[in-house]
Amino acid sequence: MWVDSVDVVKCVCNRHVPPYGRGWLDTCGVPNAGMVPPLAADIDGTLTRPDKSIDPRVFDALRAWEAPVVIATGKSFPYPVGLCEFLGIPLNVIAENGGAVYIEEAGEVVYNGDPEGADAVAADYLEAGYDLGWGPVDMVNRWRETELAVSRERPLEPLERIAADHGMDVVDTGYAYHVKSPEVDKGEGLKTAARLLDCYPEEFVAVGDSENDAEVFGVAGKAYAVANADDYALSAADVVTDGAFADGFLEALEAIRTGW
């Protein structure tokens, strides 16, 4: 977490802080004057309106951000890539809760997940008499590469039991149950993205709304939860906005620009 002016003295005197590669923070982890930090932004519940549609006001705000923007989501890889394309910003994405990471300038896709484990859970869940809940054409998992998403309208207890049998975790994002490797989360994804951007995860500010965003909050320099966030994100955030959904996201950006 970023430190205040009192902590800066302690930082200078008592511990070594590595230099930050891109210069957004000084060597004590304090934001440099006149600069905004790299931004990690969730999609669902953060860039959206309550009806799950993207709020168009976020388009120009993201395009105008002077530091790298990383879209960090539980959605499958094509969704954040498509969002970046239509926004006209570099393709910097953390998809599938950290399972797939792509930073355009690095020219590399990094996979962190366990697709075999996710496939095994799906097969056993279906064999037990349940379905994934997305209808005859599953557009939610169609392009998913490293994890499995199950509708929240489907039974959770057998899903958790089957996932545990295969060494997998289940995370409730408020939009779906995500079955993923316990070693993978959005926080690990941010570490990968920061490495590919030649900076540190502590240089980032993160904005989100759910349990999987709390994992990012734990490694980012500062974290904002929008007012509609779940209890996990609210407790992990440094700041909770007054506004909900995209209102809260835009409020967070303004706060970052004016006073961090």
C-alpha atoms as a PDB file:
ATOM      1  CA  MET A   1       0.000   0.000   0.000  1.00  0.00           C
ATOM      2  CA  TRP A   2       1.179   3.497  -0.681  1.00  0.00           C
ATOM      3  CA  VAL A   3       2.561   5.309   2.334  1.00  0.00           C
ATOM      4  CA  ASP A   4       1.795   8.730   3.758  1.00  0.00           C
ATOM      5  CA  SER A   5       4.346  11.450   4.502  1.00  0.00           C
ATOM      6  CA  VAL A   6       5.095  10.104   7.985  1.00  0.00           C
ATOM      7  CA  ASP A   7       5.823   6.655   6.634  1.00  0.00           C
ATOM      8  CA  VAL A   8       8.152   8.086   4.004  1.00  0.00           C
ATOM      9  CA  VAL A   9      10.690   9.002   6.687  1.00  0.00           C
ATOM     10  CA  LYS A  10      10.554   5.496   8.086  1.00  0.00           C
ATOM     11  CA  CYS A  11      10.914   4.114   4.566  1.00  0.00           C
ATOM     12  CA  VAL A  12      13.982   6.179   3.776  1.00  0.00           C
ATOM     13  CA  CYS A  13      15.687   5.390   7.059  1.00  0.00           C
ATOM     14  CA  ASN A  14      14.843   1.754   7.688  1.00  0.00           C
ATOM     15  CA  ARG A  15      14.472  -0.246   4.501  1.00  0.00           C
ATOM     16  CA  HIS A  16      15.647  -0.494   0.937  1.00  0.00           C
ATOM     17  CA  VAL A  17      12.983   0.083  -1.686  1.00  0.00           C
ATOM     18  CA  PRO A  18      13.778  -1.000  -5.260  1.00  0.00           C
ATOM     19  CA  PRO A  19      13.639   1.657  -7.963  1.00  0.00           C
ATOM     20  CA  TYR A  20      10.450   1.534 -10.009  1.00  0.00           C
ATOM     21  CA  GLY A  21      11.019   0.854 -13.679  1.00  0.00           C
ATOM     22  CA  ARG A  22       8.622   3.343 -15.269  1.00  0.00           C
ATOM     23  CA  GLY A  23       8.817   6.217 -12.800  1.00  0.00           C
ATOM     24  CA  TRP A  24       5.186   6.424 -11.679  1.00  0.00           C
ATOM     25  CA  LEU A  25       6.247   6.062  -8.026  1.00  0.00           C
ATOM     26  CA  ASP A  26       9.365   7.247  -6.275  1.00  0.00           C
ATOM     27  CA  THR A  27      11.711   4.866  -4.437  1.00  0.00           C
ATOM     28  CA  CYS A  28       9.526   4.968  -1.313  1.00  0.00           C
ATOM     29  CA  GLY A  29       6.427   3.958  -3.216  1.00  0.00           C
ATOM     30  CA  VAL A  30       4.946   7.470  -3.216  1.00  0.00           C
ATOM     31  CA  PRO A  31       3.288   8.698  -6.431  1.00  0.00           C
ATOM     32  CA  ASN A  32       5.449  11.170  -8.321  1.00  0.00           C
ATOM     33  CA  ALA A  33       3.915  14.598  -8.742  1.00  0.00           C
ATOM     34  CA  GLY A  34       1.952  15.214 -11.911  1.00  0.00           C
ATOM     35  CA  MET A  35       1.722  11.555 -12.909  1.00  0.00           C
ATOM     36  CA  VAL A  36      -1.062   9.012 -12.795  1.00  0.00           C
ATOM     37  CA  PRO A  37      -0.264   5.368 -12.022  1.00  0.00           C
ATOM     38  CA  PRO A  38      -0.959   2.318 -14.149  1.00  0.00           C
ATOM     39  CA  LEU A  39      -4.585   1.258 -13.773  1.00  0.00           C
ATOM     40  CA  ALA A  40      -6.081  -2.224 -13.319  1.00  0.00           C
ATOM     41  CA  ALA A  41      -9.818  -2.060 -14.017  1.00  0.00           C
ATOM     42  CA  ASP A  42     -12.432  -4.760 -13.608  1.00  0.00           C
ATOM     43  CA  ILE A  43     -15.339  -4.923 -16.086  1.00  0.00           C
ATOM     44  CA  ASP A  44     -18.544  -6.382 -14.607  1.00  0.00           C
ATOM     45  CA  GLY A  45     -19.910  -4.237 -11.795  1.00  0.00           C
ATOM     46  CA  THR A  46     -17.162  -1.656 -12.271  1.00  0.00           C
ATOM     47  CA  LEU A  47     -17.286  -0.333 -15.840  1.00  0.00           C
ATOM     48  CA  THR A  48     -20.930  -1.300 -16.170  1.00  0.00           C
ATOM     49  CA  ARG A  49     -24.373  -0.047 -15.290  1.00  0.00           C
ATOM     50  CA  PRO A  50     -26.651  -2.159 -13.040  1.00  0.00           C
ATOM     51  CA  ASP A  51     -28.115  -3.845 -16.134  1.00  0.00           C
ATOM     52  CA  LYS A  52     -24.612  -5.229 -16.941  1.00  0.00           C
ATOM     53  CA  SER A  53     -24.131  -2.991 -20.000  1.00  0.00           C
ATOM     54  CA  ILE A  54     -20.926  -0.972 -20.324  1.00  0.00           C
ATOM     55  CA  ASP A  55     -21.457   2.645 -19.316  1.00  0.00           C
ATOM     56  CA  PRO A  56     -20.274   4.692 -22.330  1.00  0.00           C
ATOM     57  CA  ARG A  57     -18.854   7.382 -20.059  1.00  0.00           C
ATOM     58  CA  VAL A  58     -15.940   5.104 -19.204  1.00  0.00           C
ATOM     59  CA  PHE A  59     -14.733   5.008 -22.828  1.00  0.00           C
ATOM     60  CA  ASP A  60     -13.180   8.465 -22.946  1.00  0.00           C
ATOM     61  CA  ALA A  61     -11.980   8.193 -19.348  1.00  0.00           C
ATOM     62  CA  LEU A  62      -9.987   5.060 -20.141  1.00  0.00           C
ATOM     63  CA  ARG A  63      -8.696   6.439 -23.433  1.00  0.00           C
ATOM     64  CA  ALA A  64      -7.463   9.568 -21.656  1.00  0.00           C
ATOM     65  CA  TRP A  65      -5.542   7.713 -18.937  1.00  0.00           C
ATOM     66  CA  GLU A  66      -1.880   8.622 -19.426  1.00  0.00           C
ATOM     67  CA  ALA A  67      -0.404   5.434 -17.923  1.00  0.00           C
ATOM     68  CA  PRO A  68      -1.004   1.829 -18.993  1.00  0.00           C
ATOM     69  CA  VAL A  69      -4.525   0.464 -18.484  1.00  0.00           C
ATOM     70  CA  VAL A  70      -4.914  -3.263 -17.832  1.00  0.00           C
ATOM     71  CA  ILE A  71      -8.430  -4.680 -18.102  1.00  0.00           C
ATOM     72  CA  ALA A  72      -8.676  -7.389 -15.425  1.00  0.00           C
ATOM     73  CA  THR A  73     -11.695  -9.671 -15.601  1.00  0.00           C
ATOM     74  CA  GLY A  74     -13.060 -13.116 -14.972  1.00  0.00           C
ATOM     75  CA  LYS A  75     -14.419 -13.207 -18.507  1.00  0.00           C
ATOM     76  CA  SER A  76     -12.782 -15.328 -21.177  1.00  0.00           C
ATOM     77  CA  PHE A  77      -9.903 -13.946 -23.206  1.00  0.00           C
ATOM     78  CA  PRO A  78     -11.791 -12.460 -26.206  1.00  0.00           C
ATOM     79  CA  TYR A  79     -13.985 -10.194 -24.073  1.00  0.00           C
ATOM     80  CA  PRO A  80     -11.310  -7.875 -22.623  1.00  0.00           C
ATOM     81  CA  VAL A  81      -9.377  -8.011 -25.908  1.00  0.00           C
ATOM     82  CA  GLY A  82     -12.489  -6.889 -27.777  1.00  0.00           C
ATOM     83  CA  LEU A  83     -13.148  -4.155 -25.225  1.00  0.00           C
ATOM     84  CA  CYS A  84      -9.629  -2.793 -25.638  1.00  0.00           C
ATOM     85  CA  GLU A  85      -9.981  -2.917 -29.426  1.00  0.00           C
ATOM     86  CA  PHE A  86     -13.194  -0.900 -29.409  1.00  0.00           C
ATOM     87  CA  LEU A  87     -11.817   1.524 -26.817  1.00  0.00           C
ATOM     88  CA  GLY A  88      -8.759   2.102 -28.978  1.00  0.00           C
ATOM     89  CA  ILE A  89      -6.318   1.373 -26.160  1.00  0.00           C
ATOM     90  CA  PRO A  90      -3.416  -1.111 -26.083  1.00  0.00           C
ATOM     91  CA  LEU A  91      -4.422  -4.739 -25.644  1.00  0.00           C
ATOM     92  CA  ASN A  92      -3.416  -5.168 -22.014  1.00  0.00           C
ATOM     93  CA  VAL A  93      -5.609  -7.794 -20.407  1.00  0.00           C
ATOM     94  CA  ILE A  94      -5.884 -10.157 -17.477  1.00  0.00           C
ATOM     95  CA  ALA A  95      -8.577 -12.674 -18.390  1.00  0.00           C
ATOM     96  CA  GLU A  96     -10.137 -15.687 -16.690  1.00  0.00           C
ATOM     97  CA  ASN A  97      -9.221 -14.486 -13.201  1.00  0.00           C
ATOM     98  CA  GLY A  98      -5.516 -14.416 -13.983  1.00  0.00           C
ATOM     99  CA  GLY A  99      -5.488 -17.566 -16.078  1.00  0.00           C
ATOM    100  CA  ALA A 100      -4.538 -15.736 -19.274  1.00  0.00           C
ATOM    101  CA  VAL A 101      -2.505 -12.521 -19.470  1.00  0.00           C
ATOM    102  CA  TYR A 102      -1.572 -10.545 -22.558  1.00  0.00           C
ATOM    103  CA  ILE A 103       0.397  -7.289 -22.736  1.00  0.00           C
ATOM    104  CA  GLU A 104       0.550  -5.936 -26.272  1.00  0.00           C
ATOM    105  CA  GLU A 105       3.995  -4.348 -26.117  1.00  0.00           C
ATOM    106  CA  ALA A 106       5.480  -7.594 -24.788  1.00  0.00           C
ATOM    107  CA  GLY A 107       3.943  -9.636 -27.598  1.00  0.00           C
ATOM    108  CA  GLU A 108       3.356 -12.623 -25.354  1.00  0.00           C
ATOM    109  CA  VAL A 109       0.370 -14.509 -23.933  1.00  0.00           C
ATOM    110  CA  VAL A 110       1.062 -16.067 -20.541  1.00  0.00           C
ATOM    111  CA  TYR A 111      -1.189 -18.888 -19.352  1.00  0.00           C
ATOM    112  CA  ASN A 112      -1.329 -19.470 -15.607  1.00  0.00           C
ATOM    113  CA  GLY A 113      -4.370 -21.722 -15.265  1.00  0.00           C
ATOM    114  CA  ASP A 114      -5.190 -25.435 -15.240  1.00  0.00           C
ATOM    115  CA  PRO A 115      -7.465 -26.202 -18.216  1.00  0.00           C
ATOM    116  CA  GLU A 116      -7.266 -29.964 -17.648  1.00  0.00           C
ATOM    117  CA  GLY A 117      -8.536 -29.587 -14.084  1.00  0.00           C
ATOM    118  CA  ALA A 118     -11.374 -27.326 -15.227  1.00  0.00           C
ATOM    119  CA  ASP A 119     -12.370 -29.800 -17.937  1.00  0.00           C
ATOM    120  CA  ALA A 120     -12.395 -32.648 -15.417  1.00  0.00           C
ATOM    121  CA  VAL A 121     -14.670 -30.693 -13.060  1.00  0.00           C
ATOM    122  CA  ALA A 122     -17.046 -29.888 -15.920  1.00  0.00           C
ATOM    123  CA  ALA A 123     -17.227 -33.535 -16.957  1.00  0.00           C
ATOM    124  CA  ASP A 124     -17.934 -34.766 -13.418  1.00  0.00           C
ATOM    125  CA  TYR A 125     -20.502 -32.014 -12.766  1.00  0.00           C
ATOM    126  CA  LEU A 126     -22.370 -32.973 -15.931  1.00  0.00           C
ATOM    127  CA  GLU A 127     -22.102 -36.689 -15.098  1.00  0.00           C
ATOM    128  CA  ALA A 128     -23.634 -35.936 -11.685  1.00  0.00           C
ATOM    129  CA  GLY A 129     -26.750 -34.689 -13.453  1.00  0.00           C
ATOM    130  CA  TYR A 130     -26.161 -30.943 -13.486  1.00  0.00           C
ATOM    131  CA  ASP A 131     -25.564 -28.578 -16.362  1.00  0.00           C
ATOM    132  CA  LEU A 132     -23.480 -25.410 -16.488  1.00  0.00           C
ATOM    133  CA  GLY A 133     -26.544 -23.222 -16.842  1.00  0.00           C
ATOM    134  CA  TRP A 134     -25.778 -21.339 -20.028  1.00  0.00           C
ATOM    135  CA  GLY A 135     -28.222 -23.042 -22.393  1.00  0.00           C
ATOM    136  CA  PRO A 136     -27.654 -25.195 -25.469  1.00  0.00           C
ATOM    137  CA  VAL A 137     -25.048 -22.808 -26.899  1.00  0.00           C
ATOM    138  CA  ASP A 138     -22.582 -21.951 -24.135  1.00  0.00           C
ATOM    139  CA  MET A 139     -21.172 -18.573 -25.096  1.00  0.00           C
ATOM    140  CA  VAL A 140     -19.688 -18.091 -21.613  1.00  0.00           C
ATOM    141  CA  ASN A 141     -17.230 -20.985 -21.824  1.00  0.00           C
ATOM    142  CA  ARG A 142     -16.911 -21.220 -25.604  1.00  0.00           C
ATOM    143  CA  TRP A 143     -13.566 -19.371 -25.709  1.00  0.00           C
ATOM    144  CA  ARG A 144     -12.493 -20.014 -22.118  1.00  0.00           C
ATOM    145  CA  GLU A 145      -9.010 -21.554 -22.006  1.00  0.00           C
ATOM    146  CA  THR A 146      -7.914 -21.975 -18.390  1.00  0.00           C
ATOM    147  CA  GLU A 147     -10.985 -22.276 -16.137  1.00  0.00           C
ATOM    148  CA  LEU A 148     -14.717 -23.061 -16.068  1.00  0.00           C
ATOM    149  CA  ALA A 149     -17.671 -20.734 -15.426  1.00  0.00           C
ATOM    150  CA  VAL A 150     -20.942 -22.095 -14.021  1.00  0.00           C
ATOM    151  CA  SER A 151     -24.176 -20.134 -13.692  1.00  0.00           C
ATOM    152  CA  ARG A 152     -25.002 -18.970 -10.169  1.00  0.00           C
ATOM    153  CA  GLU A 153     -28.429 -20.507 -10.701  1.00  0.00           C
ATOM    154  CA  ARG A 154     -26.860 -23.964 -10.538  1.00  0.00           C
ATOM    155  CA  PRO A 155     -26.128 -25.855  -7.264  1.00  0.00           C
ATOM    156  CA  LEU A 156     -22.943 -24.640  -5.600  1.00  0.00           C
ATOM    157  CA  GLU A 157     -22.336 -27.406  -3.027  1.00  0.00           C
ATOM    158  CA  PRO A 158     -21.790 -30.255  -5.511  1.00  0.00           C
ATOM    159  CA  LEU A 159     -19.684 -27.967  -7.666  1.00  0.00           C
ATOM    160  CA  GLU A 160     -17.413 -27.126  -4.722  1.00  0.00           C
ATOM    161  CA  ARG A 161     -17.157 -30.796  -3.761  1.00  0.00           C
ATOM    162  CA  ILE A 162     -16.262 -31.921  -7.273  1.00  0.00           C
ATOM    163  CA  ALA A 163     -13.810 -29.038  -7.684  1.00  0.00           C
ATOM    164  CA  ALA A 164     -12.078 -29.971  -4.412  1.00  0.00           C
ATOM    165  CA  ASP A 165     -11.757 -33.567  -5.615  1.00  0.00           C
ATOM    166  CA  HIS A 166      -9.719 -32.235  -8.543  1.00  0.00           C
ATOM    167  CA  GLY A 167      -7.700 -29.740  -6.489  1.00  0.00           C
ATOM    168  CA  MET A 168      -9.585 -26.747  -7.891  1.00  0.00           C
ATOM    169  CA  ASP A 169     -11.169 -23.708  -6.209  1.00  0.00           C
ATOM    170  CA  VAL A 170     -14.564 -22.105  -6.800  1.00  0.00           C
ATOM    171  CA  VAL A 171     -14.843 -18.315  -6.689  1.00  0.00           C
ATOM    172  CA  ASP A 172     -18.170 -16.491  -6.711  1.00  0.00           C
ATOM    173  CA  THR A 173     -17.730 -13.222  -8.619  1.00  0.00           C
ATOM    174  CA  GLY A 174     -21.372 -12.266  -8.239  1.00  0.00           C
ATOM    175  CA  TYR A 175     -21.899 -13.054 -11.916  1.00  0.00           C
ATOM    176  CA  ALA A 176     -20.810 -16.702 -12.111  1.00  0.00           C
ATOM    177  CA  TYR A 177     -19.087 -19.467 -10.180  1.00  0.00           C
ATOM    178  CA  HIS A 178     -15.546 -19.722 -11.541  1.00  0.00           C
ATOM    179  CA  VAL A 179     -13.676 -23.007 -11.180  1.00  0.00           C
ATOM    180  CA  LYS A 180      -9.948 -22.355 -11.294  1.00  0.00           C
ATOM    181  CA  SER A 181      -6.568 -23.460 -10.048  1.00  0.00           C
ATOM    182  CA  PRO A 182      -5.925 -22.357  -6.432  1.00  0.00           C
ATOM    183  CA  GLU A 183      -2.544 -21.009  -7.552  1.00  0.00           C
ATOM    184  CA  VAL A 184      -4.172 -18.593  -9.992  1.00  0.00           C
ATOM    185  CA  ASP A 185      -6.097 -15.404  -9.302  1.00  0.00           C
ATOM    186  CA  LYS A 186      -6.308 -11.839 -10.547  1.00  0.00           C
ATOM    187  CA  GLY A 187      -3.550 -10.811  -8.160  1.00  0.00           C
ATOM    188  CA  GLU A 188      -1.165 -13.309  -9.732  1.00  0.00           C
ATOM    189  CA  GLY A 189      -2.348 -12.043 -13.095  1.00  0.00           C
ATOM    190  CA  LEU A 190      -1.421  -8.503 -12.123  1.00  0.00           C
ATOM    191  CA  LYS A 191       2.052  -9.664 -11.122  1.00  0.00           C
ATOM    192  CA  THR A 192       2.437 -11.219 -14.568  1.00  0.00           C
ATOM    193  CA  ALA A 193       1.118  -8.101 -16.320  1.00  0.00           C
ATOM    194  CA  ALA A 194       3.444  -5.848 -14.317  1.00  0.00           C
ATOM    195  CA  ARG A 195       6.437  -8.006 -15.206  1.00  0.00           C
ATOM    196  CA  LEU A 196       5.559  -7.820 -18.891  1.00  0.00           C
ATOM    197  CA  LEU A 197       5.201  -4.036 -18.584  1.00  0.00           C
ATOM    198  CA  ASP A 198       8.593  -3.819 -16.856  1.00  0.00           C
ATOM    199  CA  CYS A 199       7.171  -2.356 -13.653  1.00  0.00           C
ATOM    200  CA  TYR A 200       5.952  -3.506 -10.252  1.00  0.00           C
ATOM    201  CA  PRO A 201       2.393  -4.452  -9.197  1.00  0.00           C
ATOM    202  CA  GLU A 202       2.716  -1.915  -6.375  1.00  0.00           C
ATOM    203  CA  GLU A 203       2.760   0.821  -9.015  1.00  0.00           C
ATOM    204  CA  PHE A 204      -0.825   0.027  -9.975  1.00  0.00           C
ATOM    205  CA  VAL A 205      -4.078   1.397  -8.658  1.00  0.00           C
ATOM    206  CA  ALA A 206      -6.921  -1.125  -8.912  1.00  0.00           C
ATOM    207  CA  VAL A 207     -10.669  -0.568  -9.125  1.00  0.00           C
ATOM    208  CA  GLY A 208     -13.167  -3.382  -8.741  1.00  0.00           C
ATOM    209  CA  ASP A 209     -16.236  -4.773  -7.035  1.00  0.00           C
ATOM    210  CA  SER A 210     -15.984  -8.449  -6.138  1.00  0.00           C
ATOM    211  CA  GLU A 211     -14.151 -11.299  -4.446  1.00  0.00           C
ATOM    212  CA  ASN A 212     -11.813 -11.846  -7.372  1.00  0.00           C
ATOM    213  CA  ASP A 213     -10.902  -8.143  -7.332  1.00  0.00           C
ATOM    214  CA  ALA A 214      -9.931  -8.413  -3.665  1.00  0.00           C
ATOM    215  CA  GLU A 215      -7.050 -10.585  -4.869  1.00  0.00           C
ATOM    216  CA  VAL A 216      -5.828  -7.703  -7.050  1.00  0.00           C
ATOM    217  CA  PHE A 217      -6.297  -5.262  -4.185  1.00  0.00           C
ATOM    218  CA  GLY A 218      -3.828  -7.304  -2.155  1.00  0.00           C
ATOM    219  CA  VAL A 219      -0.948  -6.694  -4.569  1.00  0.00           C
ATOM    220  CA  ALA A 220      -1.748  -3.284  -6.105  1.00  0.00           C
ATOM    221  CA  GLY A 221      -0.386  -0.102  -4.571  1.00  0.00           C
ATOM    222  CA  LYS A 222      -3.840   1.281  -3.860  1.00  0.00           C
ATOM    223  CA  ALA A 223      -7.311  -0.172  -4.233  1.00  0.00           C
ATOM    224  CA  TYR A 224     -10.733   1.373  -4.783  1.00  0.00           C
ATOM    225  CA  ALA A 225     -13.948  -0.612  -4.348  1.00  0.00           C
ATOM    226  CA  VAL A 226     -17.090   0.797  -5.930  1.00  0.00           C
ATOM    227  CA  ALA A 227     -20.085   1.134  -3.613  1.00  0.00           C
ATOM    228  CA  ASN A 228     -21.857  -1.950  -5.005  1.00  0.00           C
ATOM    229  CA  ALA A 229     -18.863  -4.174  -4.151  1.00  0.00           C
ATOM    230  CA  ASP A 230     -19.241  -7.399  -2.191  1.00  0.00           C
ATOM    231  CA  ASP A 231     -17.947  -7.783   1.353  1.00  0.00           C
ATOM    232  CA  TYR A 232     -14.629  -9.298   0.237  1.00  0.00           C
ATOM    233  CA  ALA A 233     -13.782  -6.325  -1.961  1.00  0.00           C
ATOM    234  CA  LEU A 234     -15.065  -3.765   0.531  1.00  0.00           C
ATOM    235  CA  SER A 235     -12.874  -5.143   3.302  1.00  0.00           C
ATOM    236  CA  ALA A 236      -9.785  -5.371   1.072  1.00  0.00           C
ATOM    237  CA  ALA A 237     -10.050  -1.886  -0.455  1.00  0.00           C
ATOM    238  CA  ASP A 238      -8.209   1.205   0.726  1.00  0.00           C
ATOM    239  CA  VAL A 239     -11.074   3.429  -0.424  1.00  0.00           C
ATOM    240  CA  VAL A 240     -14.772   2.787  -1.036  1.00  0.00           C
ATOM    241  CA  THR A 241     -16.442   5.174  -3.444  1.00  0.00           C
ATOM    242  CA  ASP A 242     -19.768   6.857  -2.772  1.00  0.00           C
ATOM    243  CA  GLY A 243     -20.957   5.991  -6.266  1.00  0.00           C
ATOM    244  CA  ALA A 244     -21.856   2.512  -7.460  1.00  0.00           C
ATOM    245  CA  PHE A 245     -20.961   0.736 -10.694  1.00  0.00           C
ATOM    246  CA  ALA A 246     -19.481   3.074 -13.342  1.00  0.00           C
ATOM    247  CA  ASP A 247     -20.340   6.138 -11.233  1.00  0.00           C
ATOM    248  CA  GLY A 248     -17.963   4.783  -8.618  1.00  0.00           C
ATOM    249  CA  PHE A 249     -15.305   3.973 -11.193  1.00  0.00           C
ATOM    250  CA  LEU A 250     -15.329   7.520 -12.561  1.00  0.00           C
ATOM    251  CA  GLU A 251     -15.282   8.865  -9.008  1.00  0.00           C
ATOM    252  CA  ALA A 252     -12.199   6.742  -8.297  1.00  0.00           C
ATOM    253  CA  LEU A 253     -10.392   8.051 -11.384  1.00  0.00           C
ATOM    254  CA  GLU A 254     -11.101  11.629 -10.340  1.00  0.00           C
ATOM    255  CA  ALA A 255      -9.839  10.933  -6.829  1.00  0.00           C
ATOM    256  CA  ILE A 256      -6.647   9.382  -8.208  1.00  0.00           C
ATOM    257  CA  ARG A 257      -6.013  12.369 -10.467  1.00  0.00           C
ATOM    258  CA  THR A 258      -6.603  14.971  -7.774  1.00  0.00           C
ATOM    259  CA  GLY A 259      -5.098  13.457  -4.678  1.00  0.00           C
ATOM    260  CA  TRP A 260      -4.500   9.698  -4.975  1.00  0.00           C
END
